[in-house]
Amino acid sequence: AIIEILVLWGLIIGTIFVFRKHSKTAAYLLIPYILWVSFATILTI
């Protein structure tokens, strides 16, 4: 689960950067998500 969530974290970061090229708002809406997954990663570890 730790390995998987680390890959997930990287994909979310990638999604944010790619979404930002098309819509800054779309990218900003994913910031709470990456923050929560970061917290979930800390919890899992």
PDB file of all heavy atoms in Angstrom:
ATOM      1  N   ALA A   1       0.839  -1.210   0.000  1.00  0.00           N
ATOM      2  CA  ALA A   1       0.000   0.000   0.000  1.00  0.00           C
ATOM      3  C   ALA A   1       0.867   1.251   0.000  1.00  0.00           C
ATOM      4  O   ALA A   1       0.520   2.250  -0.638  1.00  0.00           O
ATOM      5  CB  ALA A   1      -0.953  -0.010   1.189  1.00  0.00           C
ATOM      6  N   ILE A   2       1.999   1.203   0.701  1.00  0.00           N
ATOM      7  CA  ILE A   2       2.920   2.349   0.706  1.00  0.00           C
ATOM      8  C   ILE A   2       3.493   2.563  -0.690  1.00  0.00           C
ATOM      9  O   ILE A   2       3.517   3.692  -1.199  1.00  0.00           O
ATOM     10  CB  ILE A   2       4.066   2.140   1.730  1.00  0.00           C
ATOM     11  CG1 ILE A   2       3.523   2.198   3.158  1.00  0.00           C
ATOM     12  CG2 ILE A   2       5.174   3.174   1.524  1.00  0.00           C
ATOM     13  CD1 ILE A   2       4.517   1.736   4.209  1.00  0.00           C
ATOM     14  N   ILE A   3       3.957   1.503  -1.302  1.00  0.00           N
ATOM     15  CA  ILE A   3       4.522   1.614  -2.657  1.00  0.00           C
ATOM     16  C   ILE A   3       3.470   2.162  -3.613  1.00  0.00           C
ATOM     17  O   ILE A   3       3.736   3.067  -4.402  1.00  0.00           O
ATOM     18  CB  ILE A   3       5.054   0.239  -3.132  1.00  0.00           C
ATOM     19  CG1 ILE A   3       6.235  -0.181  -2.251  1.00  0.00           C
ATOM     20  CG2 ILE A   3       5.440   0.281  -4.608  1.00  0.00           C
ATOM     21  CD1 ILE A   3       6.627  -1.640  -2.380  1.00  0.00           C
ATOM     22  N   GLU A   4       2.266   1.630  -3.515  1.00  0.00           N
ATOM     23  CA  GLU A   4       1.181   2.046  -4.400  1.00  0.00           C
ATOM     24  C   GLU A   4       0.822   3.513  -4.190  1.00  0.00           C
ATOM     25  O   GLU A   4       0.630   4.256  -5.153  1.00  0.00           O
ATOM     26  CB  GLU A   4      -0.029   1.143  -4.160  1.00  0.00           C
ATOM     27  CG  GLU A   4      -1.048   1.175  -5.263  1.00  0.00           C
ATOM     28  CD  GLU A   4      -2.143   2.200  -5.090  1.00  0.00           C
ATOM     29  OE1 GLU A   4      -2.073   3.082  -4.208  1.00  0.00           O
ATOM     30  OE2 GLU A   4      -3.094   2.140  -5.866  1.00  0.00           O
ATOM     31  N   ILE A   5       0.752   3.954  -2.944  1.00  0.00           N
ATOM     32  CA  ILE A   5       0.359   5.347  -2.686  1.00  0.00           C
ATOM     33  C   ILE A   5       1.458   6.318  -3.117  1.00  0.00           C
ATOM     34  O   ILE A   5       1.168   7.454  -3.507  1.00  0.00           O
ATOM     35  CB  ILE A   5      -0.072   5.567  -1.216  1.00  0.00           C
ATOM     36  CG1 ILE A   5      -0.990   6.790  -1.115  1.00  0.00           C
ATOM     37  CG2 ILE A   5       1.123   5.691  -0.294  1.00  0.00           C
ATOM     38  CD1 ILE A   5      -1.687   6.946   0.232  1.00  0.00           C
ATOM     39  N   LEU A   6       2.710   5.878  -3.081  1.00  0.00           N
ATOM     40  CA  LEU A   6       3.787   6.734  -3.578  1.00  0.00           C
ATOM     41  C   LEU A   6       3.688   6.919  -5.095  1.00  0.00           C
ATOM     42  O   LEU A   6       3.906   8.023  -5.608  1.00  0.00           O
ATOM     43  CB  LEU A   6       5.155   6.167  -3.179  1.00  0.00           C
ATOM     44  CG  LEU A   6       5.472   6.245  -1.682  1.00  0.00           C
ATOM     45  CD1 LEU A   6       6.734   5.442  -1.362  1.00  0.00           C
ATOM     46  CD2 LEU A   6       5.609   7.693  -1.216  1.00  0.00           C
ATOM     47  N   VAL A   7       3.335   5.858  -5.797  1.00  0.00           N
ATOM     48  CA  VAL A   7       3.106   5.963  -7.247  1.00  0.00           C
ATOM     49  C   VAL A   7       1.886   6.853  -7.500  1.00  0.00           C
ATOM     50  O   VAL A   7       1.908   7.721  -8.381  1.00  0.00           O
ATOM     51  CB  VAL A   7       2.935   4.573  -7.892  1.00  0.00           C
ATOM     52  CG1 VAL A   7       2.573   4.690  -9.370  1.00  0.00           C
ATOM     53  CG2 VAL A   7       4.210   3.736  -7.717  1.00  0.00           C
ATOM     54  N   LEU A   8       0.830   6.647  -6.731  1.00  0.00           N
ATOM     55  CA  LEU A   8      -0.362   7.488  -6.830  1.00  0.00           C
ATOM     56  C   LEU A   8       0.002   8.956  -6.632  1.00  0.00           C
ATOM     57  O   LEU A   8      -0.430   9.822  -7.404  1.00  0.00           O
ATOM     58  CB  LEU A   8      -1.402   7.060  -5.785  1.00  0.00           C
ATOM     59  CG  LEU A   8      -2.611   7.977  -5.579  1.00  0.00           C
ATOM     60  CD1 LEU A   8      -3.421   8.115  -6.860  1.00  0.00           C
ATOM     61  CD2 LEU A   8      -3.488   7.454  -4.448  1.00  0.00           C
ATOM     62  N   TRP A   9       0.797   9.246  -5.620  1.00  0.00           N
ATOM     63  CA  TRP A   9       1.213  10.613  -5.329  1.00  0.00           C
ATOM     64  C   TRP A   9       1.899  11.231  -6.547  1.00  0.00           C
ATOM     65  O   TRP A   9       1.606  12.358  -6.938  1.00  0.00           O
ATOM     66  CB  TRP A   9       2.142  10.615  -4.111  1.00  0.00           C
ATOM     67  CG  TRP A   9       2.424  11.962  -3.540  1.00  0.00           C
ATOM     68  CD1 TRP A   9       1.728  12.594  -2.558  1.00  0.00           C
ATOM     69  CD2 TRP A   9       3.482  12.848  -3.926  1.00  0.00           C
ATOM     70  NE1 TRP A   9       2.298  13.823  -2.301  1.00  0.00           N
ATOM     71  CE2 TRP A   9       3.381  14.005  -3.133  1.00  0.00           C
ATOM     72  CE3 TRP A   9       4.511  12.781  -4.857  1.00  0.00           C
ATOM     73  CZ2 TRP A   9       4.249  15.078  -3.250  1.00  0.00           C
ATOM     74  CZ3 TRP A   9       5.382  13.854  -4.980  1.00  0.00           C
ATOM     75  CH2 TRP A   9       5.244  14.989  -4.172  1.00  0.00           C
ATOM     76  N   GLY A  10       2.803  10.481  -7.156  1.00  0.00           N
ATOM     77  CA  GLY A  10       3.499  10.971  -8.347  1.00  0.00           C
ATOM     78  C   GLY A  10       2.556  11.232  -9.501  1.00  0.00           C
ATOM     79  O   GLY A  10       2.693  12.231 -10.230  1.00  0.00           O
ATOM     80  N   LEU A  11       1.577  10.357  -9.682  1.00  0.00           N
ATOM     81  CA  LEU A  11       0.594  10.552 -10.757  1.00  0.00           C
ATOM     82  C   LEU A  11      -0.282  11.772 -10.501  1.00  0.00           C
ATOM     83  O   LEU A  11      -0.635  12.491 -11.436  1.00  0.00           O
ATOM     84  CB  LEU A  11      -0.274   9.304 -10.928  1.00  0.00           C
ATOM     85  CG  LEU A  11       0.375   8.156 -11.687  1.00  0.00           C
ATOM     86  CD1 LEU A  11      -0.482   6.901 -11.589  1.00  0.00           C
ATOM     87  CD2 LEU A  11       0.616   8.524 -13.141  1.00  0.00           C
ATOM     88  N   ILE A  12      -0.623  12.015  -9.256  1.00  0.00           N
ATOM     89  CA  ILE A  12      -1.421  13.206  -8.937  1.00  0.00           C
ATOM     90  C   ILE A  12      -0.615  14.461  -9.248  1.00  0.00           C
ATOM     91  O   ILE A  12      -1.130  15.409  -9.856  1.00  0.00           O
ATOM     92  CB  ILE A  12      -1.892  13.208  -7.467  1.00  0.00           C
ATOM     93  CG1 ILE A  12      -2.827  12.031  -7.195  1.00  0.00           C
ATOM     94  CG2 ILE A  12      -2.599  14.526  -7.134  1.00  0.00           C
ATOM     95  CD1 ILE A  12      -3.087  11.775  -5.716  1.00  0.00           C
ATOM     96  N   ILE A  13       0.652  14.479  -8.856  1.00  0.00           N
ATOM     97  CA  ILE A  13       1.512  15.627  -9.171  1.00  0.00           C
ATOM     98  C   ILE A  13       1.584  15.820 -10.685  1.00  0.00           C
ATOM     99  O   ILE A  13       1.440  16.951 -11.188  1.00  0.00           O
ATOM    100  CB  ILE A  13       2.927  15.441  -8.568  1.00  0.00           C
ATOM    101  CG1 ILE A  13       2.888  15.492  -7.048  1.00  0.00           C
ATOM    102  CG2 ILE A  13       3.908  16.471  -9.134  1.00  0.00           C
ATOM    103  CD1 ILE A  13       2.498  16.842  -6.458  1.00  0.00           C
ATOM    104  N   GLY A  14       1.789  14.733 -11.412  1.00  0.00           N
ATOM    105  CA  GLY A  14       1.815  14.816 -12.874  1.00  0.00           C
ATOM    106  C   GLY A  14       0.514  15.339 -13.440  1.00  0.00           C
ATOM    107  O   GLY A  14       0.506  16.172 -14.361  1.00  0.00           O
ATOM    108  N   THR A  15      -0.599  14.877 -12.899  1.00  0.00           N
ATOM    109  CA  THR A  15      -1.916  15.339 -13.346  1.00  0.00           C
ATOM    110  C   THR A  15      -2.071  16.835 -13.100  1.00  0.00           C
ATOM    111  O   THR A  15      -2.551  17.569 -13.967  1.00  0.00           O
ATOM    112  CB  THR A  15      -3.033  14.554 -12.628  1.00  0.00           C
ATOM    113  OG1 THR A  15      -2.865  13.155 -12.885  1.00  0.00           O
ATOM    114  CG2 THR A  15      -4.410  14.999 -13.098  1.00  0.00           C
ATOM    115  N   ILE A  16      -1.654  17.291 -11.941  1.00  0.00           N
ATOM    116  CA  ILE A  16      -1.748  18.720 -11.625  1.00  0.00           C
ATOM    117  C   ILE A  16      -0.952  19.541 -12.631  1.00  0.00           C
ATOM    118  O   ILE A  16      -1.455  20.537 -13.166  1.00  0.00           O
ATOM    119  CB  ILE A  16      -1.284  18.991 -10.172  1.00  0.00           C
ATOM    120  CG1 ILE A  16      -2.290  18.428  -9.171  1.00  0.00           C
ATOM    121  CG2 ILE A  16      -1.075  20.490  -9.942  1.00  0.00           C
ATOM    122  CD1 ILE A  16      -1.811  18.425  -7.724  1.00  0.00           C
ATOM    123  N   PHE A  17       0.269  19.126 -12.924  1.00  0.00           N
ATOM    124  CA  PHE A  17       1.104  19.889 -13.854  1.00  0.00           C
ATOM    125  C   PHE A  17       0.526  19.890 -15.270  1.00  0.00           C
ATOM    126  O   PHE A  17       0.516  20.931 -15.938  1.00  0.00           O
ATOM    127  CB  PHE A  17       2.545  19.364 -13.860  1.00  0.00           C
ATOM    128  CG  PHE A  17       3.361  19.897 -12.738  1.00  0.00           C
ATOM    129  CD1 PHE A  17       3.640  19.116 -11.626  1.00  0.00           C
ATOM    130  CD2 PHE A  17       3.846  21.202 -12.750  1.00  0.00           C
ATOM    131  CE1 PHE A  17       4.389  19.610 -10.570  1.00  0.00           C
ATOM    132  CE2 PHE A  17       4.594  21.712 -11.700  1.00  0.00           C
ATOM    133  CZ  PHE A  17       4.861  20.906 -10.604  1.00  0.00           C
ATOM    134  N   VAL A  18       0.013  18.748 -15.714  1.00  0.00           N
ATOM    135  CA  VAL A  18      -0.569  18.679 -17.053  1.00  0.00           C
ATOM    136  C   VAL A  18      -1.894  19.438 -17.106  1.00  0.00           C
ATOM    137  O   VAL A  18      -2.166  20.157 -18.079  1.00  0.00           O
ATOM    138  CB  VAL A  18      -0.730  17.208 -17.503  1.00  0.00           C
ATOM    139  CG1 VAL A  18      -1.543  17.104 -18.781  1.00  0.00           C
ATOM    140  CG2 VAL A  18       0.648  16.573 -17.701  1.00  0.00           C
ATOM    141  N   PHE A  19      -2.719  19.316 -16.072  1.00  0.00           N
ATOM    142  CA  PHE A  19      -3.981  20.056 -16.040  1.00  0.00           C
ATOM    143  C   PHE A  19      -3.724  21.555 -16.054  1.00  0.00           C
ATOM    144  O   PHE A  19      -4.468  22.310 -16.663  1.00  0.00           O
ATOM    145  CB  PHE A  19      -4.798  19.679 -14.795  1.00  0.00           C
ATOM    146  CG  PHE A  19      -5.705  18.495 -14.971  1.00  0.00           C
ATOM    147  CD1 PHE A  19      -5.417  17.484 -15.877  1.00  0.00           C
ATOM    148  CD2 PHE A  19      -6.857  18.369 -14.216  1.00  0.00           C
ATOM    149  CE1 PHE A  19      -6.261  16.387 -16.034  1.00  0.00           C
ATOM    150  CE2 PHE A  19      -7.707  17.283 -14.356  1.00  0.00           C
ATOM    151  CZ  PHE A  19      -7.409  16.293 -15.270  1.00  0.00           C
ATOM    152  N   ARG A  20      -2.667  21.990 -15.398  1.00  0.00           N
ATOM    153  CA  ARG A  20      -2.363  23.429 -15.314  1.00  0.00           C
ATOM    154  C   ARG A  20      -2.128  24.036 -16.692  1.00  0.00           C
ATOM    155  O   ARG A  20      -2.416  25.213 -16.916  1.00  0.00           O
ATOM    156  CB  ARG A  20      -1.153  23.656 -14.415  1.00  0.00           C
ATOM    157  CG  ARG A  20      -0.949  25.122 -14.068  1.00  0.00           C
ATOM    158  CD  ARG A  20       0.159  25.298 -13.032  1.00  0.00           C
ATOM    159  NE  ARG A  20       0.220  26.653 -12.539  1.00  0.00           N
ATOM    160  CZ  ARG A  20       0.756  27.677 -13.211  1.00  0.00           C
ATOM    161  NH1 ARG A  20       1.267  27.487 -14.404  1.00  0.00           N
ATOM    162  NH2 ARG A  20       0.766  28.892 -12.686  1.00  0.00           N
ATOM    163  N   LYS A  21      -1.631  23.250 -17.624  1.00  0.00           N
ATOM    164  CA  LYS A  21      -1.409  23.745 -18.989  1.00  0.00           C
ATOM    165  C   LYS A  21      -2.723  24.089 -19.678  1.00  0.00           C
ATOM    166  O   LYS A  21      -2.761  24.898 -20.596  1.00  0.00           O
ATOM    167  CB  LYS A  21      -0.668  22.697 -19.823  1.00  0.00           C
ATOM    168  CG  LYS A  21       0.742  22.450 -19.367  1.00  0.00           C
ATOM    169  CD  LYS A  21       1.378  21.339 -20.184  1.00  0.00           C
ATOM    170  CE  LYS A  21       2.753  21.008 -19.648  1.00  0.00           C
ATOM    171  NZ  LYS A  21       3.345  19.844 -20.315  1.00  0.00           N
ATOM    172  N   HIS A  22      -3.798  23.470 -19.223  1.00  0.00           N
ATOM    173  CA  HIS A  22      -5.107  23.664 -19.855  1.00  0.00           C
ATOM    174  C   HIS A  22      -6.046  24.526 -19.023  1.00  0.00           C
ATOM    175  O   HIS A  22      -6.884  25.235 -19.576  1.00  0.00           O
ATOM    176  CB  HIS A  22      -5.747  22.309 -20.149  1.00  0.00           C
ATOM    177  CG  HIS A  22      -4.882  21.426 -20.985  1.00  0.00           C
ATOM    178  ND1 HIS A  22      -4.676  21.649 -22.321  1.00  0.00           N
ATOM    179  CD2 HIS A  22      -4.122  20.359 -20.660  1.00  0.00           C
ATOM    180  CE1 HIS A  22      -3.845  20.731 -22.798  1.00  0.00           C
ATOM    181  NE2 HIS A  22      -3.491  19.947 -21.811  1.00  0.00           N
ATOM    182  N   SER A  23      -5.910  24.438 -17.710  1.00  0.00           N
ATOM    183  CA  SER A  23      -6.776  25.207 -16.810  1.00  0.00           C
ATOM    184  C   SER A  23      -6.109  25.316 -15.443  1.00  0.00           C
ATOM    185  O   SER A  23      -5.958  24.312 -14.741  1.00  0.00           O
ATOM    186  CB  SER A  23      -8.142  24.530 -16.670  1.00  0.00           C
ATOM    187  OG  SER A  23      -8.872  25.085 -15.599  1.00  0.00           O
ATOM    188  N   LYS A  24      -5.731  26.529 -15.081  1.00  0.00           N
ATOM    189  CA  LYS A  24      -5.130  26.728 -13.761  1.00  0.00           C
ATOM    190  C   LYS A  24      -6.116  26.355 -12.662  1.00  0.00           C
ATOM    191  O   LYS A  24      -5.745  25.764 -11.649  1.00  0.00           O
ATOM    192  CB  LYS A  24      -4.660  28.171 -13.603  1.00  0.00           C
ATOM    193  CG  LYS A  24      -3.434  28.485 -14.418  1.00  0.00           C
ATOM    194  CD  LYS A  24      -2.984  29.914 -14.220  1.00  0.00           C
ATOM    195  CE  LYS A  24      -1.779  30.189 -15.115  1.00  0.00           C
ATOM    196  NZ  LYS A  24      -1.344  31.571 -15.051  1.00  0.00           N
ATOM    197  N   THR A  25      -7.379  26.680 -12.866  1.00  0.00           N
ATOM    198  CA  THR A  25      -8.399  26.346 -11.868  1.00  0.00           C
ATOM    199  C   THR A  25      -8.477  24.835 -11.671  1.00  0.00           C
ATOM    200  O   THR A  25      -8.584  24.358 -10.536  1.00  0.00           O
ATOM    201  CB  THR A  25      -9.771  26.915 -12.278  1.00  0.00           C
ATOM    202  OG1 THR A  25      -9.643  28.330 -12.461  1.00  0.00           O
ATOM    203  CG2 THR A  25     -10.830  26.623 -11.238  1.00  0.00           C
ATOM    204  N   ALA A  26      -8.425  24.087 -12.764  1.00  0.00           N
ATOM    205  CA  ALA A  26      -8.471  22.619 -12.673  1.00  0.00           C
ATOM    206  C   ALA A  26      -7.300  22.105 -11.835  1.00  0.00           C
ATOM    207  O   ALA A  26      -7.466  21.204 -11.008  1.00  0.00           O
ATOM    208  CB  ALA A  26      -8.450  21.997 -14.063  1.00  0.00           C
ATOM    209  N   ALA A  27      -6.131  22.680 -12.052  1.00  0.00           N
ATOM    210  CA  ALA A  27      -4.948  22.274 -11.282  1.00  0.00           C
ATOM    211  C   ALA A  27      -5.117  22.640  -9.811  1.00  0.00           C
ATOM    212  O   ALA A  27      -4.836  21.826  -8.922  1.00  0.00           O
ATOM    213  CB  ALA A  27      -3.698  22.928 -11.859  1.00  0.00           C
ATOM    214  N   TYR A  28      -5.586  23.843  -9.549  1.00  0.00           N
ATOM    215  CA  TYR A  28      -5.759  24.297  -8.156  1.00  0.00           C
ATOM    216  C   TYR A  28      -6.783  23.456  -7.404  1.00  0.00           C
ATOM    217  O   TYR A  28      -6.649  23.238  -6.199  1.00  0.00           O
ATOM    218  CB  TYR A  28      -6.162  25.765  -8.109  1.00  0.00           C
ATOM    219  CG  TYR A  28      -5.117  26.715  -8.661  1.00  0.00           C
ATOM    220  CD1 TYR A  28      -5.487  27.909  -9.253  1.00  0.00           C
ATOM    221  CD2 TYR A  28      -3.754  26.412  -8.607  1.00  0.00           C
ATOM    222  CE1 TYR A  28      -4.540  28.790  -9.767  1.00  0.00           C
ATOM    223  CE2 TYR A  28      -2.807  27.279  -9.122  1.00  0.00           C
ATOM    224  CZ  TYR A  28      -3.199  28.458  -9.700  1.00  0.00           C
ATOM    225  OH  TYR A  28      -2.250  29.312 -10.209  1.00  0.00           O
ATOM    226  N   LEU A  29      -7.801  22.980  -8.104  1.00  0.00           N
ATOM    227  CA  LEU A  29      -8.821  22.145  -7.461  1.00  0.00           C
ATOM    228  C   LEU A  29      -8.258  20.803  -6.989  1.00  0.00           C
ATOM    229  O   LEU A  29      -8.864  20.134  -6.141  1.00  0.00           O
ATOM    230  CB  LEU A  29     -10.000  21.909  -8.410  1.00  0.00           C
ATOM    231  CG  LEU A  29     -10.917  23.104  -8.625  1.00  0.00           C
ATOM    232  CD1 LEU A  29     -11.916  22.821  -9.737  1.00  0.00           C
ATOM    233  CD2 LEU A  29     -11.639  23.478  -7.338  1.00  0.00           C
ATOM    234  N   LEU A  30      -7.113  20.402  -7.538  1.00  0.00           N
ATOM    235  CA  LEU A  30      -6.495  19.144  -7.127  1.00  0.00           C
ATOM    236  C   LEU A  30      -5.515  19.310  -5.966  1.00  0.00           C
ATOM    237  O   LEU A  30      -5.017  18.321  -5.436  1.00  0.00           O
ATOM    238  CB  LEU A  30      -5.793  18.497  -8.328  1.00  0.00           C
ATOM    239  CG  LEU A  30      -6.709  18.054  -9.468  1.00  0.00           C
ATOM    240  CD1 LEU A  30      -5.883  17.457 -10.606  1.00  0.00           C
ATOM    241  CD2 LEU A  30      -7.763  17.065  -8.985  1.00  0.00           C
ATOM    242  N   ILE A  31      -5.249  20.526  -5.565  1.00  0.00           N
ATOM    243  CA  ILE A  31      -4.301  20.752  -4.459  1.00  0.00           C
ATOM    244  C   ILE A  31      -4.801  20.140  -3.141  1.00  0.00           C
ATOM    245  O   ILE A  31      -4.023  19.463  -2.450  1.00  0.00           O
ATOM    246  CB  ILE A  31      -3.937  22.240  -4.330  1.00  0.00           C
ATOM    247  CG1 ILE A  31      -3.073  22.638  -5.542  1.00  0.00           C
ATOM    248  CG2 ILE A  31      -3.208  22.528  -3.021  1.00  0.00           C
ATOM    249  CD1 ILE A  31      -2.762  24.101  -5.660  1.00  0.00           C
ATOM    250  N   PRO A  32      -6.072  20.299  -2.761  1.00  0.00           N
ATOM    251  CA  PRO A  32      -6.510  19.621  -1.526  1.00  0.00           C
ATOM    252  C   PRO A  32      -6.350  18.100  -1.607  1.00  0.00           C
ATOM    253  O   PRO A  32      -6.025  17.450  -0.609  1.00  0.00           O
ATOM    254  CB  PRO A  32      -7.991  20.010  -1.408  1.00  0.00           C
ATOM    255  CG  PRO A  32      -8.121  21.255  -2.212  1.00  0.00           C
ATOM    256  CD  PRO A  32      -7.125  21.147  -3.331  1.00  0.00           C
ATOM    257  N   TYR A  33      -6.534  17.558  -2.797  1.00  0.00           N
ATOM    258  CA  TYR A  33      -6.382  16.121  -3.025  1.00  0.00           C
ATOM    259  C   TYR A  33      -4.936  15.678  -2.779  1.00  0.00           C
ATOM    260  O   TYR A  33      -4.695  14.723  -2.034  1.00  0.00           O
ATOM    261  CB  TYR A  33      -6.838  15.811  -4.449  1.00  0.00           C
ATOM    262  CG  TYR A  33      -6.707  14.391  -4.918  1.00  0.00           C
ATOM    263  CD1 TYR A  33      -6.953  13.307  -4.085  1.00  0.00           C
ATOM    264  CD2 TYR A  33      -6.368  14.126  -6.242  1.00  0.00           C
ATOM    265  CE1 TYR A  33      -6.854  12.007  -4.556  1.00  0.00           C
ATOM    266  CE2 TYR A  33      -6.275  12.839  -6.718  1.00  0.00           C
ATOM    267  CZ  TYR A  33      -6.512  11.778  -5.869  1.00  0.00           C
ATOM    268  OH  TYR A  33      -6.421  10.487  -6.344  1.00  0.00           O
ATOM    269  N   ILE A  34      -3.968  16.375  -3.352  1.00  0.00           N
ATOM    270  CA  ILE A  34      -2.577  15.976  -3.154  1.00  0.00           C
ATOM    271  C   ILE A  34      -2.171  16.186  -1.686  1.00  0.00           C
ATOM    272  O   ILE A  34      -1.395  15.391  -1.146  1.00  0.00           O
ATOM    273  CB  ILE A  34      -1.607  16.694  -4.130  1.00  0.00           C
ATOM    274  CG1 ILE A  34      -0.210  16.036  -4.087  1.00  0.00           C
ATOM    275  CG2 ILE A  34      -1.471  18.176  -3.839  1.00  0.00           C
ATOM    276  CD1 ILE A  34      -0.152  14.605  -4.523  1.00  0.00           C
ATOM    277  N   LEU A  35      -2.707  17.201  -1.050  1.00  0.00           N
ATOM    278  CA  LEU A  35      -2.409  17.401   0.375  1.00  0.00           C
ATOM    279  C   LEU A  35      -2.955  16.251   1.218  1.00  0.00           C
ATOM    280  O   LEU A  35      -2.271  15.742   2.113  1.00  0.00           O
ATOM    281  CB  LEU A  35      -2.964  18.746   0.851  1.00  0.00           C
ATOM    282  CG  LEU A  35      -2.300  19.988   0.263  1.00  0.00           C
ATOM    283  CD1 LEU A  35      -3.040  21.244   0.706  1.00  0.00           C
ATOM    284  CD2 LEU A  35      -0.827  20.053   0.645  1.00  0.00           C
ATOM    285  N   TRP A  36      -4.177  15.824   0.928  1.00  0.00           N
ATOM    286  CA  TRP A  36      -4.781  14.727   1.690  1.00  0.00           C
ATOM    287  C   TRP A  36      -4.066  13.409   1.413  1.00  0.00           C
ATOM    288  O   TRP A  36      -3.826  12.617   2.332  1.00  0.00           O
ATOM    289  CB  TRP A  36      -6.272  14.618   1.377  1.00  0.00           C
ATOM    290  CG  TRP A  36      -6.967  13.596   2.229  1.00  0.00           C
ATOM    291  CD1 TRP A  36      -7.390  12.366   1.843  1.00  0.00           C
ATOM    292  CD2 TRP A  36      -7.309  13.705   3.615  1.00  0.00           C
ATOM    293  NE1 TRP A  36      -7.976  11.702   2.893  1.00  0.00           N
ATOM    294  CE2 TRP A  36      -7.940  12.510   3.993  1.00  0.00           C
ATOM    295  CE3 TRP A  36      -7.142  14.707   4.566  1.00  0.00           C
ATOM    296  CZ2 TRP A  36      -8.413  12.275   5.284  1.00  0.00           C
ATOM    297  CZ3 TRP A  36      -7.607  14.473   5.853  1.00  0.00           C
ATOM    298  CH2 TRP A  36      -8.231  13.272   6.202  1.00  0.00           C
ATOM    299  N   VAL A  37      -3.693  13.169   0.156  1.00  0.00           N
ATOM    300  CA  VAL A  37      -2.958  11.939  -0.164  1.00  0.00           C
ATOM    301  C   VAL A  37      -1.568  11.982   0.477  1.00  0.00           C
ATOM    302  O   VAL A  37      -1.052  10.953   0.905  1.00  0.00           O
ATOM    303  CB  VAL A  37      -2.901  11.697  -1.686  1.00  0.00           C
ATOM    304  CG1 VAL A  37      -1.940  10.569  -2.053  1.00  0.00           C
ATOM    305  CG2 VAL A  37      -4.302  11.372  -2.207  1.00  0.00           C
ATOM    306  N   SER A  38      -0.973  13.155   0.579  1.00  0.00           N
ATOM    307  CA  SER A  38       0.300  13.281   1.288  1.00  0.00           C
ATOM    308  C   SER A  38       0.119  12.884   2.753  1.00  0.00           C
ATOM    309  O   SER A  38       0.939  12.135   3.323  1.00  0.00           O
ATOM    310  CB  SER A  38       0.830  14.716   1.204  1.00  0.00           C
ATOM    311  OG  SER A  38       1.098  15.074  -0.131  1.00  0.00           O
ATOM    312  N   PHE A  39      -0.945  13.363   3.361  1.00  0.00           N
ATOM    313  CA  PHE A  39      -1.258  13.005   4.745  1.00  0.00           C
ATOM    314  C   PHE A  39      -1.537  11.504   4.852  1.00  0.00           C
ATOM    315  O   PHE A  39      -1.051  10.837   5.781  1.00  0.00           O
ATOM    316  CB  PHE A  39      -2.457  13.826   5.233  1.00  0.00           C
ATOM    317  CG  PHE A  39      -2.863  13.532   6.642  1.00  0.00           C
ATOM    318  CD1 PHE A  39      -2.004  13.774   7.703  1.00  0.00           C
ATOM    319  CD2 PHE A  39      -4.123  13.026   6.916  1.00  0.00           C
ATOM    320  CE1 PHE A  39      -2.377  13.502   9.011  1.00  0.00           C
ATOM    321  CE2 PHE A  39      -4.517  12.762   8.220  1.00  0.00           C
ATOM    322  CZ  PHE A  39      -3.636  12.997   9.265  1.00  0.00           C
ATOM    323  N   ALA A  40      -2.290  10.957   3.905  1.00  0.00           N
ATOM    324  CA  ALA A  40      -2.589   9.520   3.908  1.00  0.00           C
ATOM    325  C   ALA A  40      -1.310   8.697   3.750  1.00  0.00           C
ATOM    326  O   ALA A  40      -1.180   7.616   4.330  1.00  0.00           O
ATOM    327  CB  ALA A  40      -3.577   9.188   2.788  1.00  0.00           C
ATOM    328  N   THR A  41      -0.361   9.220   2.989  1.00  0.00           N
ATOM    329  CA  THR A  41       0.926   8.538   2.825  1.00  0.00           C
ATOM    330  C   THR A  41       1.666   8.496   4.162  1.00  0.00           C
ATOM    331  O   THR A  41       2.194   7.446   4.562  1.00  0.00           O
ATOM    332  CB  THR A  41       1.779   9.256   1.757  1.00  0.00           C
ATOM    333  OG1 THR A  41       1.054   9.284   0.524  1.00  0.00           O
ATOM    334  CG2 THR A  41       3.110   8.553   1.548  1.00  0.00           C
ATOM    335  N   ILE A  42       1.670   9.606   4.849  1.00  0.00           N
ATOM    336  CA  ILE A  42       2.313   9.662   6.173  1.00  0.00           C
ATOM    337  C   ILE A  42       1.624   8.692   7.135  1.00  0.00           C
ATOM    338  O   ILE A  42       2.295   7.969   7.879  1.00  0.00           O
ATOM    339  CB  ILE A  42       2.297  11.101   6.723  1.00  0.00           C
ATOM    340  CG1 ILE A  42       3.222  11.984   5.877  1.00  0.00           C
ATOM    341  CG2 ILE A  42       2.699  11.142   8.194  1.00  0.00           C
ATOM    342  CD1 ILE A  42       3.042  13.469   6.107  1.00  0.00           C
ATOM    343  N   LEU A  43       0.297   8.654   7.099  1.00  0.00           N
ATOM    344  CA  LEU A  43      -0.438   7.725   7.966  1.00  0.00           C
ATOM    345  C   LEU A  43      -0.085   6.277   7.642  1.00  0.00           C
ATOM    346  O   LEU A  43       0.143   5.468   8.547  1.00  0.00           O
ATOM    347  CB  LEU A  43      -1.947   7.924   7.819  1.00  0.00           C
ATOM    348  CG  LEU A  43      -2.552   9.179   8.413  1.00  0.00           C
ATOM    349  CD1 LEU A  43      -4.049   9.223   8.124  1.00  0.00           C
ATOM    350  CD2 LEU A  43      -2.293   9.261   9.911  1.00  0.00           C
ATOM    351  N   THR A  44      -0.054   5.948   6.353  1.00  0.00           N
ATOM    352  CA  THR A  44       0.223   4.576   5.934  1.00  0.00           C
ATOM    353  C   THR A  44       1.630   4.156   6.355  1.00  0.00           C
ATOM    354  O   THR A  44       1.834   3.059   6.900  1.00  0.00           O
ATOM    355  CB  THR A  44       0.045   4.423   4.409  1.00  0.00           C
ATOM    356  OG1 THR A  44      -1.258   4.893   4.034  1.00  0.00           O
ATOM    357  CG2 THR A  44       0.183   2.971   3.981  1.00  0.00           C
ATOM    358  N   ILE A  45       2.597   5.022   6.127  1.00  0.00           N
ATOM    359  CA  ILE A  45       3.971   4.720   6.530  1.00  0.00           C
ATOM    360  C   ILE A  45       4.054   4.594   8.054  1.00  0.00           C
ATOM    361  O   ILE A  45       4.706   3.669   8.571  1.00  0.00           O
ATOM    362  CB  ILE A  45       4.948   5.794   6.002  1.00  0.00           C
ATOM    363  CG1 ILE A  45       5.044   5.709   4.478  1.00  0.00           C
ATOM    364  CG2 ILE A  45       6.326   5.644   6.642  1.00  0.00           C
ATOM    365  CD1 ILE A  45       5.757   6.876   3.820  1.00  0.00           C
TER     366      ILE A  45
END
